[in-house]
Amino acid sequence: MKILANKEIKNLFLSLSLVFGVTFLLAEVFLWLSYRRLSLLLLILFLLAGGAVWAVCFVYFNRQNQIMEQAILQINAYLDGDRNARIECDNEGELYRLFHSINSLAAVLNAHADNELREKEFLKNTISDISHQLKTPLAALNIYNGLLQDEDIEVSSVKEFACLSEQELDRIETLVQSLLKITRLDAGAIANHIADQDSALQIHLVLHELQEPYKEVFQLRVFGELSFSQIGIIFGKTENWARVTYHRARLKIKERMDHYES
């Protein structure tokens, strides 16, 4: 029986059995000393009472075990990629408060994931737009270069084309700088946000204190620039597990950074 695999529950059942057994023996000893007789009826009553208490406890803990098993199934489903998996928490009690907190955490993680996807889509579109804008000055430079190679070109035209080429080069430099800045961004990466507030040394101090697997997952994501699916393959886990672990690492780092700043 699964519930008896729990050491504390097993000890509870043993304690109940011991209490009923000792109480029965004391009652029989009292009867023997007082009336010089033993009672079979008393034995039956104690067995019935003990059996009833055992049955009630067993049903209760078995029901709790089923609830926990169902909760574990929902948690594993979420880790395997089902973002809509939730634990039923409509009843009252401390256990259901815990389930409600887990559901809230799942909702927060989903919101972070959605924000990250939107940010990545924004970065993708921005990079695509900048890449498209680069084609115009490059085409102009190609034309100017062809004209400058003409042997019959006048000096004034050379100066004019050189000035235009310089303008196009400035435009290319601006676009390339923008592109470089964007490519350094990790959508929602806390490391860049922290780097703007404190030194790189403090960041590495926080990472040094971070427990595994949060530390390695964060480093692989931010510094290694690996995708969640690649991180999941490294750890032998799912993509959603890597995503959840990464966001937990971000929260832990942010909490420690806030603590240092205060």
C-alpha atoms as a PDB file:
ATOM      1  CA  MET A   1       0.000   0.000   0.000  1.00  0.00           C
ATOM      2  CA  LYS A   2       1.394   3.343  -1.067  1.00  0.00           C
ATOM      3  CA  ILE A   3       0.253   5.258   1.986  1.00  0.00           C
ATOM      4  CA  LEU A   4       2.190   2.915   4.283  1.00  0.00           C
ATOM      5  CA  ALA A   5       5.307   3.700   2.281  1.00  0.00           C
ATOM      6  CA  ASN A   6       5.240   7.067   4.038  1.00  0.00           C
ATOM      7  CA  LYS A   7       7.274   6.595   7.209  1.00  0.00           C
ATOM      8  CA  GLU A   8       5.277   9.097   9.277  1.00  0.00           C
ATOM      9  CA  ILE A   9       1.912   7.562   8.331  1.00  0.00           C
ATOM     10  CA  LYS A  10       3.276   4.097   9.010  1.00  0.00           C
ATOM     11  CA  ASN A  11       4.470   5.207  12.441  1.00  0.00           C
ATOM     12  CA  LEU A  12       1.024   6.701  13.112  1.00  0.00           C
ATOM     13  CA  PHE A  13      -0.712   3.389  12.408  1.00  0.00           C
ATOM     14  CA  LEU A  14       1.825   1.544  14.560  1.00  0.00           C
ATOM     15  CA  SER A  15       1.303   4.051  17.372  1.00  0.00           C
ATOM     16  CA  LEU A  16      -2.482   3.631  17.199  1.00  0.00           C
ATOM     17  CA  SER A  17      -2.094  -0.141  17.294  1.00  0.00           C
ATOM     18  CA  LEU A  18       0.256   0.130  20.259  1.00  0.00           C
ATOM     19  CA  VAL A  19      -2.124   2.436  22.151  1.00  0.00           C
ATOM     20  CA  PHE A  20      -5.101   0.103  21.619  1.00  0.00           C
ATOM     21  CA  GLY A  21      -3.010  -2.927  22.496  1.00  0.00           C
ATOM     22  CA  VAL A  22      -1.647  -1.429  25.727  1.00  0.00           C
ATOM     23  CA  THR A  23      -5.094  -0.120  26.722  1.00  0.00           C
ATOM     24  CA  PHE A  24      -6.625  -3.559  26.156  1.00  0.00           C
ATOM     25  CA  LEU A  25      -3.919  -5.272  28.190  1.00  0.00           C
ATOM     26  CA  LEU A  26      -4.343  -2.804  31.057  1.00  0.00           C
ATOM     27  CA  ALA A  27      -8.118  -3.360  30.986  1.00  0.00           C
ATOM     28  CA  GLU A  28      -7.667  -7.152  31.075  1.00  0.00           C
ATOM     29  CA  VAL A  29      -5.151  -6.875  33.914  1.00  0.00           C
ATOM     30  CA  PHE A  30      -7.624  -4.741  35.863  1.00  0.00           C
ATOM     31  CA  LEU A  31     -10.383  -7.300  35.300  1.00  0.00           C
ATOM     32  CA  TRP A  32      -8.111 -10.139  36.394  1.00  0.00           C
ATOM     33  CA  LEU A  33      -6.953  -8.382  39.516  1.00  0.00           C
ATOM     34  CA  SER A  34     -10.484  -7.279  40.438  1.00  0.00           C
ATOM     35  CA  TYR A  35     -12.605 -10.257  39.372  1.00  0.00           C
ATOM     36  CA  ARG A  36     -10.137 -13.001  38.569  1.00  0.00           C
ATOM     37  CA  ARG A  37     -11.475 -13.304  35.052  1.00  0.00           C
ATOM     38  CA  LEU A  38     -10.756 -12.183  31.479  1.00  0.00           C
ATOM     39  CA  SER A  39     -13.337 -10.744  29.083  1.00  0.00           C
ATOM     40  CA  LEU A  40     -13.684 -11.987  25.509  1.00  0.00           C
ATOM     41  CA  LEU A  41     -16.286  -9.286  24.896  1.00  0.00           C
ATOM     42  CA  LEU A  42     -13.756  -6.621  25.836  1.00  0.00           C
ATOM     43  CA  LEU A  43     -11.333  -8.079  23.300  1.00  0.00           C
ATOM     44  CA  ILE A  44     -13.995  -7.946  20.585  1.00  0.00           C
ATOM     45  CA  LEU A  45     -14.890  -4.335  21.463  1.00  0.00           C
ATOM     46  CA  PHE A  46     -11.259  -3.258  21.319  1.00  0.00           C
ATOM     47  CA  LEU A  47     -10.757  -5.024  18.014  1.00  0.00           C
ATOM     48  CA  LEU A  48     -13.844  -3.371  16.553  1.00  0.00           C
ATOM     49  CA  ALA A  49     -12.846   0.059  17.849  1.00  0.00           C
ATOM     50  CA  GLY A  50      -9.277  -0.321  16.670  1.00  0.00           C
ATOM     51  CA  GLY A  51     -10.429  -1.610  13.287  1.00  0.00           C
ATOM     52  CA  ALA A  52     -12.824   1.328  12.913  1.00  0.00           C
ATOM     53  CA  VAL A  53     -10.087   3.867  13.736  1.00  0.00           C
ATOM     54  CA  TRP A  54      -7.718   2.082  11.367  1.00  0.00           C
ATOM     55  CA  ALA A  55     -10.337   2.100   8.603  1.00  0.00           C
ATOM     56  CA  VAL A  56     -11.138   5.796   9.031  1.00  0.00           C
ATOM     57  CA  CYS A  57      -7.459   6.747   9.011  1.00  0.00           C
ATOM     58  CA  PHE A  58      -6.772   4.510   6.038  1.00  0.00           C
ATOM     59  CA  VAL A  59      -9.627   5.992   3.998  1.00  0.00           C
ATOM     60  CA  TYR A  60      -8.539   9.530   4.861  1.00  0.00           C
ATOM     61  CA  PHE A  61      -4.866   9.033   4.011  1.00  0.00           C
ATOM     62  CA  ASN A  62      -5.728   7.038   0.903  1.00  0.00           C
ATOM     63  CA  ARG A  63      -7.891   9.943  -0.280  1.00  0.00           C
ATOM     64  CA  GLN A  64      -5.064  12.393   0.443  1.00  0.00           C
ATOM     65  CA  ASN A  65      -2.685  10.148  -1.478  1.00  0.00           C
ATOM     66  CA  GLN A  66      -5.017  10.139  -4.486  1.00  0.00           C
ATOM     67  CA  ILE A  67      -5.229  13.940  -4.389  1.00  0.00           C
ATOM     68  CA  MET A  68      -1.439  14.220  -4.285  1.00  0.00           C
ATOM     69  CA  GLU A  69      -1.045  11.718  -7.132  1.00  0.00           C
ATOM     70  CA  GLN A  70      -3.444  13.751  -9.252  1.00  0.00           C
ATOM     71  CA  ALA A  71      -1.547  16.927  -8.411  1.00  0.00           C
ATOM     72  CA  ILE A  72       1.748  15.298  -9.399  1.00  0.00           C
ATOM     73  CA  LEU A  73       0.225  14.207 -12.709  1.00  0.00           C
ATOM     74  CA  GLN A  74      -0.849  17.791 -13.445  1.00  0.00           C
ATOM     75  CA  ILE A  75       2.575  19.178 -12.496  1.00  0.00           C
ATOM     76  CA  ASN A  76       4.338  16.635 -14.731  1.00  0.00           C
ATOM     77  CA  ALA A  77       1.907  17.449 -17.542  1.00  0.00           C
ATOM     78  CA  TYR A  78       2.838  21.123 -17.214  1.00  0.00           C
ATOM     79  CA  LEU A  79       6.543  20.307 -17.248  1.00  0.00           C
ATOM     80  CA  ASP A  80       5.998  18.189 -20.369  1.00  0.00           C
ATOM     81  CA  GLY A  81       4.549  21.148 -22.225  1.00  0.00           C
ATOM     82  CA  ASP A  82       0.842  21.333 -21.351  1.00  0.00           C
ATOM     83  CA  ARG A  83       0.599  24.999 -20.368  1.00  0.00           C
ATOM     84  CA  ASN A  84      -3.093  24.622 -19.475  1.00  0.00           C
ATOM     85  CA  ALA A  85      -2.499  21.910 -16.862  1.00  0.00           C
ATOM     86  CA  ARG A  86      -3.857  22.991 -13.474  1.00  0.00           C
ATOM     87  CA  ILE A  87      -4.472  21.375 -10.079  1.00  0.00           C
ATOM     88  CA  GLU A  88      -8.010  21.411  -8.718  1.00  0.00           C
ATOM     89  CA  CYS A  89      -8.065  23.764  -5.730  1.00  0.00           C
ATOM     90  CA  ASP A  90     -11.754  24.562  -5.213  1.00  0.00           C
ATOM     91  CA  ASN A  91     -11.922  23.144  -1.677  1.00  0.00           C
ATOM     92  CA  GLU A  92     -10.666  24.733   1.524  1.00  0.00           C
ATOM     93  CA  GLY A  93      -7.636  23.735   3.555  1.00  0.00           C
ATOM     94  CA  GLU A  94      -3.877  24.183   3.651  1.00  0.00           C
ATOM     95  CA  LEU A  95      -3.299  21.582   0.935  1.00  0.00           C
ATOM     96  CA  TYR A  96      -5.604  23.397  -1.478  1.00  0.00           C
ATOM     97  CA  ARG A  97      -3.928  26.720  -0.629  1.00  0.00           C
ATOM     98  CA  LEU A  98      -0.674  25.108  -1.726  1.00  0.00           C
ATOM     99  CA  PHE A  99      -2.314  23.928  -4.961  1.00  0.00           C
ATOM    100  CA  HIS A 100      -3.645  27.430  -5.564  1.00  0.00           C
ATOM    101  CA  SER A 101      -0.131  28.848  -5.148  1.00  0.00           C
ATOM    102  CA  ILE A 102       1.209  26.300  -7.633  1.00  0.00           C
ATOM    103  CA  ASN A 103      -1.481  27.277 -10.137  1.00  0.00           C
ATOM    104  CA  SER A 104      -0.603  30.935  -9.624  1.00  0.00           C
ATOM    105  CA  LEU A 105       3.057  30.160 -10.248  1.00  0.00           C
ATOM    106  CA  ALA A 106       2.117  28.363 -13.477  1.00  0.00           C
ATOM    107  CA  ALA A 107       0.096  31.392 -14.589  1.00  0.00           C
ATOM    108  CA  VAL A 108       3.041  33.714 -13.869  1.00  0.00           C
ATOM    109  CA  LEU A 109       5.421  31.453 -15.794  1.00  0.00           C
ATOM    110  CA  ASN A 110       3.000  31.386 -18.729  1.00  0.00           C
ATOM    111  CA  ALA A 111       2.832  35.173 -18.687  1.00  0.00           C
ATOM    112  CA  HIS A 112       6.646  35.393 -18.681  1.00  0.00           C
ATOM    113  CA  ALA A 113       6.814  32.905 -21.557  1.00  0.00           C
ATOM    114  CA  ASP A 114       4.249  34.905 -23.556  1.00  0.00           C
ATOM    115  CA  ASN A 115       6.163  38.123 -22.942  1.00  0.00           C
ATOM    116  CA  GLU A 116       9.367  36.455 -24.023  1.00  0.00           C
ATOM    117  CA  LEU A 117       7.779  35.196 -27.230  1.00  0.00           C
ATOM    118  CA  ARG A 118       6.442  38.659 -28.000  1.00  0.00           C
ATOM    119  CA  GLU A 119       9.842  40.208 -27.317  1.00  0.00           C
ATOM    120  CA  LYS A 120      11.575  37.660 -29.518  1.00  0.00           C
ATOM    121  CA  GLU A 121       9.073  38.311 -32.295  1.00  0.00           C
ATOM    122  CA  PHE A 122       9.702  42.038 -31.922  1.00  0.00           C
ATOM    123  CA  LEU A 123      13.460  41.507 -32.101  1.00  0.00           C
ATOM    124  CA  LYS A 124      13.056  39.256 -35.118  1.00  0.00           C
ATOM    125  CA  ASN A 125      10.974  41.846 -36.959  1.00  0.00           C
ATOM    126  CA  THR A 126      13.340  44.659 -36.001  1.00  0.00           C
ATOM    127  CA  ILE A 127      16.398  42.769 -37.206  1.00  0.00           C
ATOM    128  CA  SER A 128      14.605  41.915 -40.433  1.00  0.00           C
ATOM    129  CA  ASP A 129      13.691  45.575 -40.938  1.00  0.00           C
ATOM    130  CA  ILE A 130      17.261  46.760 -40.318  1.00  0.00           C
ATOM    131  CA  SER A 131      18.612  44.102 -42.674  1.00  0.00           C
ATOM    132  CA  HIS A 132      16.201  45.314 -45.334  1.00  0.00           C
ATOM    133  CA  GLN A 133      17.247  48.936 -44.771  1.00  0.00           C
ATOM    134  CA  LEU A 134      20.886  47.965 -45.284  1.00  0.00           C
ATOM    135  CA  LYS A 135      20.150  46.956 -48.871  1.00  0.00           C
ATOM    136  CA  THR A 136      19.409  50.557 -49.932  1.00  0.00           C
ATOM    137  CA  PRO A 137      22.771  52.173 -49.007  1.00  0.00           C
ATOM    138  CA  LEU A 138      24.649  49.113 -50.252  1.00  0.00           C
ATOM    139  CA  ALA A 139      22.922  49.375 -53.612  1.00  0.00           C
ATOM    140  CA  ALA A 140      23.685  53.109 -53.748  1.00  0.00           C
ATOM    141  CA  LEU A 141      27.357  52.492 -52.953  1.00  0.00           C
ATOM    142  CA  ASN A 142      27.498  49.892 -55.689  1.00  0.00           C
ATOM    143  CA  ILE A 143      26.127  52.435 -58.167  1.00  0.00           C
ATOM    144  CA  TYR A 144      28.509  55.192 -57.001  1.00  0.00           C
ATOM    145  CA  ASN A 145      31.434  52.786 -57.234  1.00  0.00           C
ATOM    146  CA  GLY A 146      30.509  51.937 -60.812  1.00  0.00           C
ATOM    147  CA  LEU A 147      30.256  55.604 -61.749  1.00  0.00           C
ATOM    148  CA  LEU A 148      33.580  56.434 -60.095  1.00  0.00           C
ATOM    149  CA  GLN A 149      35.284  53.760 -62.176  1.00  0.00           C
ATOM    150  CA  ASP A 150      34.338  55.674 -65.321  1.00  0.00           C
ATOM    151  CA  GLU A 151      37.530  57.180 -66.702  1.00  0.00           C
ATOM    152  CA  ASP A 152      35.728  60.189 -68.204  1.00  0.00           C
ATOM    153  CA  ILE A 153      34.135  61.307 -64.955  1.00  0.00           C
ATOM    154  CA  GLU A 154      34.720  64.903 -63.939  1.00  0.00           C
ATOM    155  CA  VAL A 155      36.490  65.880 -60.705  1.00  0.00           C
ATOM    156  CA  SER A 156      33.404  67.686 -59.420  1.00  0.00           C
ATOM    157  CA  SER A 157      31.358  64.535 -59.947  1.00  0.00           C
ATOM    158  CA  VAL A 158      33.979  62.507 -58.103  1.00  0.00           C
ATOM    159  CA  LYS A 159      33.682  64.816 -55.104  1.00  0.00           C
ATOM    160  CA  GLU A 160      29.901  64.663 -55.273  1.00  0.00           C
ATOM    161  CA  PHE A 161      29.858  60.864 -55.408  1.00  0.00           C
ATOM    162  CA  ALA A 162      32.454  60.681 -52.611  1.00  0.00           C
ATOM    163  CA  CYS A 163      30.241  62.894 -50.445  1.00  0.00           C
ATOM    164  CA  LEU A 164      27.188  60.750 -51.224  1.00  0.00           C
ATOM    165  CA  SER A 165      29.181  57.587 -50.498  1.00  0.00           C
ATOM    166  CA  GLU A 166      30.254  58.991 -47.151  1.00  0.00           C
ATOM    167  CA  GLN A 167      26.609  59.675 -46.273  1.00  0.00           C
ATOM    168  CA  GLU A 168      25.640  56.142 -47.218  1.00  0.00           C
ATOM    169  CA  LEU A 169      28.537  54.745 -45.162  1.00  0.00           C
ATOM    170  CA  ASP A 170      27.386  56.756 -42.137  1.00  0.00           C
ATOM    171  CA  ARG A 171      23.916  55.357 -42.638  1.00  0.00           C
ATOM    172  CA  ILE A 172      25.291  51.820 -42.849  1.00  0.00           C
ATOM    173  CA  GLU A 173      27.336  52.358 -39.685  1.00  0.00           C
ATOM    174  CA  THR A 174      24.253  53.553 -37.800  1.00  0.00           C
ATOM    175  CA  LEU A 175      22.216  50.557 -38.960  1.00  0.00           C
ATOM    176  CA  VAL A 176      25.020  48.100 -38.144  1.00  0.00           C
ATOM    177  CA  GLN A 177      25.414  49.570 -34.639  1.00  0.00           C
ATOM    178  CA  SER A 178      21.678  49.218 -34.080  1.00  0.00           C
ATOM    179  CA  LEU A 179      21.803  45.669 -35.340  1.00  0.00           C
ATOM    180  CA  LEU A 180      24.702  44.792 -33.035  1.00  0.00           C
ATOM    181  CA  LYS A 181      22.890  46.209 -30.026  1.00  0.00           C
ATOM    182  CA  ILE A 182      19.758  44.253 -30.808  1.00  0.00           C
ATOM    183  CA  THR A 183      21.585  40.974 -31.391  1.00  0.00           C
ATOM    184  CA  ARG A 184      23.129  41.293 -27.940  1.00  0.00           C
ATOM    185  CA  LEU A 185      19.712  41.374 -26.354  1.00  0.00           C
ATOM    186  CA  ASP A 186      18.293  38.224 -24.853  1.00  0.00           C
ATOM    187  CA  ALA A 187      14.532  38.646 -24.763  1.00  0.00           C
ATOM    188  CA  GLY A 188      13.684  39.195 -21.119  1.00  0.00           C
ATOM    189  CA  ALA A 189      17.199  38.245 -19.985  1.00  0.00           C
ATOM    190  CA  ILE A 190      17.759  39.566 -16.521  1.00  0.00           C
ATOM    191  CA  ALA A 191      21.508  39.649 -16.981  1.00  0.00           C
ATOM    192  CA  ASN A 192      21.398  42.697 -19.226  1.00  0.00           C
ATOM    193  CA  HIS A 193      19.060  44.462 -16.839  1.00  0.00           C
ATOM    194  CA  ILE A 194      21.368  43.723 -13.934  1.00  0.00           C
ATOM    195  CA  ALA A 195      24.432  44.763 -15.901  1.00  0.00           C
ATOM    196  CA  ASP A 196      22.939  48.224 -16.284  1.00  0.00           C
ATOM    197  CA  GLN A 197      22.615  48.520 -12.510  1.00  0.00           C
ATOM    198  CA  ASP A 198      25.738  46.965 -11.126  1.00  0.00           C
ATOM    199  CA  SER A 199      29.148  45.622 -12.040  1.00  0.00           C
ATOM    200  CA  ALA A 200      29.859  42.324 -13.796  1.00  0.00           C
ATOM    201  CA  LEU A 201      31.623  41.168 -10.621  1.00  0.00           C
ATOM    202  CA  GLN A 202      28.422  41.377  -8.605  1.00  0.00           C
ATOM    203  CA  ILE A 203      26.565  39.420 -11.282  1.00  0.00           C
ATOM    204  CA  HIS A 204      29.101  36.611 -11.134  1.00  0.00           C
ATOM    205  CA  LEU A 205      29.015  36.632  -7.341  1.00  0.00           C
ATOM    206  CA  VAL A 206      25.269  36.051  -7.456  1.00  0.00           C
ATOM    207  CA  LEU A 207      25.666  33.319 -10.073  1.00  0.00           C
ATOM    208  CA  HIS A 208      28.411  31.696  -8.000  1.00  0.00           C
ATOM    209  CA  GLU A 209      26.014  31.351  -5.058  1.00  0.00           C
ATOM    210  CA  LEU A 210      23.146  30.071  -7.219  1.00  0.00           C
ATOM    211  CA  GLN A 211      22.289  26.398  -6.788  1.00  0.00           C
ATOM    212  CA  GLU A 212      22.172  23.844  -9.584  1.00  0.00           C
ATOM    213  CA  PRO A 213      20.492  23.285 -11.959  1.00  0.00           C
ATOM    214  CA  TYR A 214      19.452  26.969 -11.952  1.00  0.00           C
ATOM    215  CA  LYS A 215      23.034  28.195 -12.290  1.00  0.00           C
ATOM    216  CA  GLU A 216      23.941  26.071 -15.308  1.00  0.00           C
ATOM    217  CA  VAL A 217      20.586  26.567 -17.050  1.00  0.00           C
ATOM    218  CA  PHE A 218      20.861  30.352 -16.678  1.00  0.00           C
ATOM    219  CA  GLN A 219      24.438  30.381 -17.966  1.00  0.00           C
ATOM    220  CA  LEU A 220      23.586  28.163 -20.929  1.00  0.00           C
ATOM    221  CA  ARG A 221      20.627  30.382 -21.811  1.00  0.00           C
ATOM    222  CA  VAL A 222      22.216  33.816 -21.320  1.00  0.00           C
ATOM    223  CA  PHE A 223      25.916  33.297 -21.985  1.00  0.00           C
ATOM    224  CA  GLY A 224      25.744  30.188 -24.152  1.00  0.00           C
ATOM    225  CA  GLU A 225      22.712  31.558 -26.048  1.00  0.00           C
ATOM    226  CA  LEU A 226      21.177  28.081 -26.280  1.00  0.00           C
ATOM    227  CA  SER A 227      17.485  27.545 -26.895  1.00  0.00           C
ATOM    228  CA  PHE A 228      15.258  25.947 -24.258  1.00  0.00           C
ATOM    229  CA  SER A 229      14.979  22.790 -26.343  1.00  0.00           C
ATOM    230  CA  GLN A 230      18.785  22.505 -26.526  1.00  0.00           C
ATOM    231  CA  ILE A 231      19.095  23.018 -22.761  1.00  0.00           C
ATOM    232  CA  GLY A 232      16.436  20.362 -22.218  1.00  0.00           C
ATOM    233  CA  ILE A 233      18.435  17.909 -24.350  1.00  0.00           C
ATOM    234  CA  ILE A 234      21.592  18.585 -22.308  1.00  0.00           C
ATOM    235  CA  PHE A 235      19.793  17.788 -19.034  1.00  0.00           C
ATOM    236  CA  GLY A 236      17.673  14.995 -20.495  1.00  0.00           C
ATOM    237  CA  LYS A 237      14.528  17.005 -19.730  1.00  0.00           C
ATOM    238  CA  THR A 238      11.758  18.673 -21.697  1.00  0.00           C
ATOM    239  CA  GLU A 239      11.832  22.138 -23.275  1.00  0.00           C
ATOM    240  CA  ASN A 240       9.204  23.334 -20.810  1.00  0.00           C
ATOM    241  CA  TRP A 241      11.326  22.092 -17.882  1.00  0.00           C
ATOM    242  CA  ALA A 242      14.222  24.200 -19.166  1.00  0.00           C
ATOM    243  CA  ARG A 243      11.942  27.219 -19.573  1.00  0.00           C
ATOM    244  CA  VAL A 244      10.518  26.861 -16.040  1.00  0.00           C
ATOM    245  CA  THR A 245      13.985  26.353 -14.510  1.00  0.00           C
ATOM    246  CA  TYR A 246      15.347  29.397 -16.352  1.00  0.00           C
ATOM    247  CA  HIS A 247      12.546  31.657 -15.130  1.00  0.00           C
ATOM    248  CA  ARG A 248      12.989  30.360 -11.576  1.00  0.00           C
ATOM    249  CA  ALA A 249      16.698  31.178 -11.855  1.00  0.00           C
ATOM    250  CA  ARG A 250      15.830  34.690 -13.027  1.00  0.00           C
ATOM    251  CA  LEU A 251      13.579  35.191 -10.012  1.00  0.00           C
ATOM    252  CA  LYS A 252      16.250  33.914  -7.629  1.00  0.00           C
ATOM    253  CA  ILE A 253      18.881  36.209  -9.152  1.00  0.00           C
ATOM    254  CA  LYS A 254      16.570  39.207  -9.034  1.00  0.00           C
ATOM    255  CA  GLU A 255      15.749  38.543  -5.369  1.00  0.00           C
ATOM    256  CA  ARG A 256      19.440  38.373  -4.460  1.00  0.00           C
ATOM    257  CA  MET A 257      20.266  41.465  -6.474  1.00  0.00           C
ATOM    258  CA  ASP A 258      17.457  43.373  -4.778  1.00  0.00           C
ATOM    259  CA  HIS A 259      18.814  42.163  -1.429  1.00  0.00           C
ATOM    260  CA  TYR A 260      22.305  43.428  -2.246  1.00  0.00           C
ATOM    261  CA  GLU A 261      20.963  46.778  -3.422  1.00  0.00           C
ATOM    262  CA  SER A 262      18.952  47.256  -0.238  1.00  0.00           C
END
